[in-house]
């Protein structure tokens, strides 16, 4: 059998105060996942734990994302996390704080 892409989920997350890239990334993945209810696995005779999920995160400073915390968001299956430069960073007027906006994509694959 071969891994086939069965779903693409997309989300956005923010850390409005504090500039926490991991917090924004976790919220982005939750946004992607929590707006969906995938039934494709059971429709194909598979378990939701058979899903393999590739998580892609975009933030301005990729090295500041804790991949393990992002991966812990997945409720089913196994996954990997890759972090890329992207998203937005918006400093406040005083220059003392930053809002971080992260994007997430979750690519769900099943062995079919």
N, C-alpha and C. Protein backbone atom coordinates (compact mmCIF):
# COMPACT_ATOMS: atom_id res chain seq x y z
N UNK A 1 0.83 -1.19 0.00
CA UNK A 1 0.00 0.00 0.00
C UNK A 1 0.87 1.25 0.00
N UNK A 2 0.25 2.39 -0.24
CA UNK A 2 0.96 3.65 -0.36
C UNK A 2 0.26 4.73 0.45
N UNK A 3 1.05 5.63 1.04
CA UNK A 3 0.46 6.77 1.76
C UNK A 3 -0.19 7.72 0.77
N UNK A 4 -1.45 8.03 1.01
CA UNK A 4 -2.21 8.95 0.16
C UNK A 4 -2.72 10.12 0.99
N UNK A 5 -2.59 11.33 0.44
CA UNK A 5 -3.12 12.51 1.12
C UNK A 5 -4.64 12.46 1.06
N UNK A 6 -5.26 12.55 2.23
CA UNK A 6 -6.72 12.49 2.30
C UNK A 6 -7.33 13.78 2.83
N UNK A 7 -6.51 14.66 3.40
CA UNK A 7 -7.06 15.92 3.92
C UNK A 7 -5.95 16.94 4.08
N UNK A 8 -6.34 18.20 3.93
CA UNK A 8 -5.46 19.34 4.20
C UNK A 8 -6.25 20.29 5.08
N UNK A 9 -5.74 20.56 6.27
CA UNK A 9 -6.40 21.46 7.20
C UNK A 9 -5.50 22.66 7.41
N UNK A 10 -6.10 23.86 7.43
CA UNK A 10 -5.32 25.09 7.50
C UNK A 10 -5.83 25.95 8.65
N UNK A 11 -4.89 26.55 9.41
CA UNK A 11 -5.30 27.39 10.52
C UNK A 11 -4.34 28.54 10.77
N UNK A 12 -4.79 29.45 11.63
CA UNK A 12 -4.00 30.60 12.03
C UNK A 12 -4.08 30.74 13.55
N UNK A 13 -2.97 31.14 14.15
CA UNK A 13 -2.94 31.35 15.59
C UNK A 13 -2.10 32.56 15.94
N UNK A 14 -2.40 33.15 17.08
CA UNK A 14 -1.68 34.35 17.50
C UNK A 14 -1.25 34.25 18.95
N UNK A 15 -0.22 35.01 19.26
CA UNK A 15 0.10 35.38 20.64
C UNK A 15 0.09 36.90 20.61
N UNK A 16 -0.98 37.47 21.12
CA UNK A 16 -1.20 38.91 20.99
C UNK A 16 -0.20 39.72 21.80
N UNK A 17 0.13 39.23 22.97
CA UNK A 17 1.14 39.92 23.80
C UNK A 17 2.17 38.90 24.25
N UNK A 18 3.41 39.24 24.10
CA UNK A 18 4.45 38.37 24.62
C UNK A 18 5.38 37.77 23.58
N UNK A 19 4.98 37.77 22.32
CA UNK A 19 5.87 37.28 21.28
C UNK A 19 6.26 35.82 21.42
N UNK A 20 5.34 34.96 21.87
CA UNK A 20 5.64 33.55 22.07
C UNK A 20 5.31 32.77 20.79
N UNK A 21 6.32 32.36 20.07
CA UNK A 21 6.16 31.68 18.79
C UNK A 21 5.53 30.31 18.94
N UNK A 22 5.89 29.60 19.99
CA UNK A 22 5.30 28.28 20.22
C UNK A 22 3.81 28.41 20.52
N UNK A 23 3.43 29.36 21.35
CA UNK A 23 2.02 29.56 21.67
C UNK A 23 1.23 29.87 20.41
N UNK A 24 1.74 30.72 19.55
CA UNK A 24 1.05 31.06 18.30
C UNK A 24 0.96 29.83 17.39
N UNK A 25 2.03 29.03 17.32
CA UNK A 25 2.03 27.84 16.48
C UNK A 25 1.04 26.79 16.98
N UNK A 26 0.99 26.59 18.29
CA UNK A 26 0.04 25.65 18.88
C UNK A 26 -1.39 26.10 18.58
N UNK A 27 -1.66 27.37 18.74
CA UNK A 27 -3.00 27.89 18.46
C UNK A 27 -3.36 27.76 16.99
N UNK A 28 -2.38 27.92 16.11
CA UNK A 28 -2.63 27.78 14.67
C UNK A 28 -3.01 26.33 14.33
N UNK A 29 -2.29 25.37 14.91
CA UNK A 29 -2.62 23.97 14.65
C UNK A 29 -3.97 23.61 15.23
N UNK A 30 -4.26 24.08 16.43
CA UNK A 30 -5.59 23.83 17.02
C UNK A 30 -6.68 24.41 16.13
N UNK A 31 -6.46 25.61 15.61
CA UNK A 31 -7.43 26.23 14.71
C UNK A 31 -7.67 25.34 13.50
N UNK A 32 -6.61 24.79 12.95
CA UNK A 32 -6.74 23.92 11.77
C UNK A 32 -7.51 22.65 12.11
N UNK A 33 -7.21 22.05 13.24
CA UNK A 33 -7.80 20.76 13.58
C UNK A 33 -9.21 20.87 14.16
N UNK A 34 -9.45 21.86 14.97
CA UNK A 34 -10.70 21.94 15.71
C UNK A 34 -11.86 22.48 14.88
N UNK A 35 -11.62 22.85 13.65
CA UNK A 35 -12.71 23.26 12.76
C UNK A 35 -13.11 22.13 11.84
N UNK A 36 -12.62 20.94 12.10
CA UNK A 36 -12.88 19.80 11.23
C UNK A 36 -13.21 18.57 12.05
N UNK A 37 -13.94 17.69 11.45
CA UNK A 37 -14.17 16.37 12.02
C UNK A 37 -13.96 15.37 10.89
N UNK A 38 -12.78 14.81 10.86
CA UNK A 38 -12.45 13.91 9.76
C UNK A 38 -13.04 12.52 10.00
N UNK A 39 -13.84 12.07 9.08
CA UNK A 39 -14.40 10.73 9.15
C UNK A 39 -13.85 9.84 8.04
N UNK A 40 -12.90 10.37 7.28
CA UNK A 40 -12.37 9.65 6.14
C UNK A 40 -11.70 8.34 6.56
N UNK A 41 -11.02 8.33 7.70
CA UNK A 41 -10.33 7.10 8.13
C UNK A 41 -11.32 5.97 8.33
N UNK A 42 -12.38 6.23 9.10
CA UNK A 42 -13.35 5.17 9.35
C UNK A 42 -14.11 4.81 8.08
N UNK A 43 -14.34 5.78 7.20
CA UNK A 43 -15.02 5.50 5.93
C UNK A 43 -14.21 4.54 5.06
N UNK A 44 -12.89 4.56 5.25
CA UNK A 44 -12.01 3.69 4.48
C UNK A 44 -11.59 2.45 5.25
N UNK A 45 -12.27 2.19 6.37
CA UNK A 45 -11.97 0.99 7.15
C UNK A 45 -10.71 1.09 7.98
N UNK A 46 -10.29 2.31 8.27
CA UNK A 46 -9.08 2.53 9.07
C UNK A 46 -9.46 3.16 10.41
N UNK A 47 -8.52 3.16 11.32
CA UNK A 47 -8.69 3.84 12.60
C UNK A 47 -8.15 5.26 12.48
N UNK A 48 -8.68 6.16 13.28
CA UNK A 48 -8.15 7.52 13.27
C UNK A 48 -6.69 7.54 13.74
N UNK A 49 -6.29 6.51 14.47
CA UNK A 49 -4.90 6.43 14.90
C UNK A 49 -3.97 5.97 13.79
N UNK A 50 -4.53 5.53 12.65
CA UNK A 50 -3.72 5.17 11.49
C UNK A 50 -3.26 6.39 10.70
N UNK A 51 -3.83 7.56 11.01
CA UNK A 51 -3.48 8.77 10.27
C UNK A 51 -2.03 9.16 10.53
N UNK A 52 -1.37 9.60 9.48
CA UNK A 52 -0.04 10.17 9.60
C UNK A 52 -0.17 11.63 9.19
N UNK A 53 0.21 12.52 10.10
CA UNK A 53 -0.03 13.94 9.91
C UNK A 53 1.29 14.70 9.82
N UNK A 54 1.44 15.41 8.71
CA UNK A 54 2.61 16.28 8.52
C UNK A 54 2.14 17.70 8.85
N UNK A 55 2.73 18.28 9.90
CA UNK A 55 2.36 19.63 10.33
C UNK A 55 3.41 20.61 9.82
N UNK A 56 2.94 21.63 9.12
CA UNK A 56 3.80 22.69 8.61
C UNK A 56 3.41 23.98 9.32
N UNK A 57 4.40 24.66 9.91
CA UNK A 57 4.16 25.89 10.65
C UNK A 57 4.97 27.01 10.01
N UNK A 58 4.35 28.19 9.88
CA UNK A 58 5.06 29.37 9.39
C UNK A 58 5.06 30.46 10.45
N UNK A 59 6.24 30.86 10.90
CA UNK A 59 6.43 31.95 11.86
C UNK A 59 7.68 32.74 11.48
N UNK A 60 7.78 33.99 11.92
CA UNK A 60 8.96 34.79 11.56
C UNK A 60 10.29 34.23 12.08
N UNK A 61 10.27 33.57 13.22
CA UNK A 61 11.50 33.02 13.81
C UNK A 61 11.32 31.53 14.09
N UNK A 62 11.53 30.69 13.07
CA UNK A 62 11.26 29.26 13.20
C UNK A 62 12.00 28.57 14.35
N UNK A 63 13.20 29.02 14.65
CA UNK A 63 14.00 28.38 15.70
C UNK A 63 13.42 28.60 17.09
N UNK A 64 12.42 29.45 17.23
CA UNK A 64 11.82 29.72 18.54
C UNK A 64 10.55 28.90 18.79
N UNK A 65 10.25 27.94 17.91
CA UNK A 65 9.08 27.09 18.09
C UNK A 65 9.50 25.75 18.68
N UNK A 66 8.85 25.35 19.76
CA UNK A 66 9.07 24.05 20.38
C UNK A 66 8.20 23.03 19.63
N UNK A 67 8.82 22.24 18.78
CA UNK A 67 8.09 21.30 17.93
C UNK A 67 7.34 20.25 18.75
N UNK A 68 7.90 19.84 19.87
CA UNK A 68 7.24 18.83 20.71
C UNK A 68 5.90 19.35 21.25
N UNK A 69 5.85 20.63 21.62
CA UNK A 69 4.58 21.19 22.10
C UNK A 69 3.55 21.26 20.98
N UNK A 70 3.99 21.58 19.79
CA UNK A 70 3.08 21.61 18.63
C UNK A 70 2.57 20.21 18.34
N UNK A 71 3.45 19.23 18.31
CA UNK A 71 3.08 17.85 18.01
C UNK A 71 2.10 17.30 19.04
N UNK A 72 2.22 17.74 20.29
CA UNK A 72 1.34 17.26 21.36
C UNK A 72 -0.13 17.63 21.12
N UNK A 73 -0.39 18.57 20.23
CA UNK A 73 -1.76 18.99 19.93
C UNK A 73 -2.53 17.91 19.17
N UNK A 74 -1.84 17.08 18.39
CA UNK A 74 -2.52 16.08 17.57
C UNK A 74 -3.30 15.10 18.44
N UNK A 75 -4.62 14.97 18.20
CA UNK A 75 -5.42 14.08 19.03
C UNK A 75 -5.35 12.62 18.58
N UNK A 76 -4.96 12.38 17.33
CA UNK A 76 -4.93 11.02 16.78
C UNK A 76 -3.75 10.87 15.84
N UNK A 77 -3.36 9.63 15.64
CA UNK A 77 -2.33 9.33 14.67
C UNK A 77 -0.94 9.71 15.14
N UNK A 78 -0.02 9.67 14.19
CA UNK A 78 1.36 10.06 14.46
C UNK A 78 1.67 11.26 13.57
N UNK A 79 2.68 12.02 13.96
CA UNK A 79 2.95 13.21 13.17
C UNK A 79 4.39 13.66 13.20
N UNK A 80 4.65 14.60 12.31
CA UNK A 80 5.93 15.29 12.26
C UNK A 80 5.63 16.78 12.16
N UNK A 81 6.59 17.59 12.58
CA UNK A 81 6.44 19.05 12.53
C UNK A 81 7.64 19.64 11.81
N UNK A 82 7.35 20.49 10.84
CA UNK A 82 8.39 21.26 10.15
C UNK A 82 8.01 22.73 10.30
N UNK A 83 9.00 23.55 10.64
CA UNK A 83 8.74 24.98 10.86
C UNK A 83 9.53 25.78 9.83
N UNK A 84 8.82 26.72 9.20
CA UNK A 84 9.38 27.54 8.13
C UNK A 84 9.26 29.01 8.49
N UNK A 85 10.05 29.83 7.83
CA UNK A 85 9.92 31.27 8.00
C UNK A 85 8.65 31.72 7.30
N UNK A 86 7.83 32.46 8.01
CA UNK A 86 6.55 32.94 7.48
C UNK A 86 5.83 33.72 8.57
N UNK A 87 4.53 33.78 8.48
CA UNK A 87 3.75 34.46 9.49
C UNK A 87 4.04 35.96 9.55
N UNK A 88 3.66 36.54 10.67
CA UNK A 88 3.87 37.97 10.88
C UNK A 88 4.30 38.24 12.31
N UNK A 89 5.04 39.32 12.46
CA UNK A 89 5.43 39.83 13.78
C UNK A 89 5.13 41.32 13.76
N UNK A 90 4.28 41.77 14.70
CA UNK A 90 3.85 43.16 14.71
C UNK A 90 4.23 43.78 16.06
N UNK A 91 5.23 44.66 16.08
CA UNK A 91 5.63 45.29 17.34
C UNK A 91 4.58 46.33 17.78
N UNK A 92 4.49 46.52 19.10
CA UNK A 92 3.59 47.57 19.58
C UNK A 92 4.25 48.93 19.36
N UNK A 93 3.48 49.99 19.57
CA UNK A 93 3.99 51.34 19.28
C UNK A 93 5.19 51.72 20.12
N UNK A 94 5.25 51.21 21.36
CA UNK A 94 6.36 51.54 22.24
C UNK A 94 7.60 50.70 21.92
N UNK A 95 7.43 49.66 21.11
CA UNK A 95 8.56 48.79 20.80
C UNK A 95 8.93 47.86 21.93
N UNK A 96 8.01 47.65 22.87
CA UNK A 96 8.30 46.82 24.04
C UNK A 96 7.65 45.44 23.99
N UNK A 97 6.81 45.21 23.01
CA UNK A 97 6.08 43.94 22.93
C UNK A 97 5.78 43.63 21.47
N UNK A 98 5.44 42.38 21.22
CA UNK A 98 5.21 41.93 19.84
C UNK A 98 4.01 41.00 19.78
N UNK A 99 3.21 41.16 18.73
CA UNK A 99 2.16 40.20 18.40
C UNK A 99 2.71 39.27 17.33
N UNK A 100 2.54 37.98 17.54
CA UNK A 100 3.01 36.98 16.58
C UNK A 100 1.80 36.30 15.95
N UNK A 101 1.82 36.18 14.63
CA UNK A 101 0.79 35.45 13.90
C UNK A 101 1.46 34.27 13.19
N UNK A 102 0.95 33.09 13.46
CA UNK A 102 1.48 31.86 12.86
C UNK A 102 0.44 31.23 11.96
N UNK A 103 0.90 30.56 10.91
CA UNK A 103 0.03 29.76 10.08
C UNK A 103 0.39 28.29 10.27
N UNK A 104 -0.62 27.44 10.11
CA UNK A 104 -0.40 26.00 10.21
C UNK A 104 -1.13 25.29 9.09
N UNK A 105 -0.50 24.24 8.60
CA UNK A 105 -1.14 23.32 7.67
C UNK A 105 -0.92 21.92 8.22
N UNK A 106 -1.98 21.14 8.26
CA UNK A 106 -1.89 19.75 8.67
C UNK A 106 -2.27 18.89 7.47
N UNK A 107 -1.31 18.13 6.97
CA UNK A 107 -1.54 17.25 5.83
C UNK A 107 -1.73 15.84 6.37
N UNK A 108 -2.92 15.30 6.16
CA UNK A 108 -3.28 14.00 6.71
C UNK A 108 -3.15 12.96 5.61
N UNK A 109 -2.43 11.89 5.95
CA UNK A 109 -2.23 10.79 4.99
C UNK A 109 -2.65 9.47 5.64
N UNK A 110 -3.14 8.57 4.78
CA UNK A 110 -3.47 7.20 5.20
C UNK A 110 -2.78 6.23 4.26
N UNK A 111 -2.43 5.08 4.79
CA UNK A 111 -1.83 4.03 3.99
C UNK A 111 -2.97 3.27 3.30
N UNK A 112 -3.14 3.52 2.01
CA UNK A 112 -4.25 2.93 1.25
C UNK A 112 -3.74 2.04 0.13
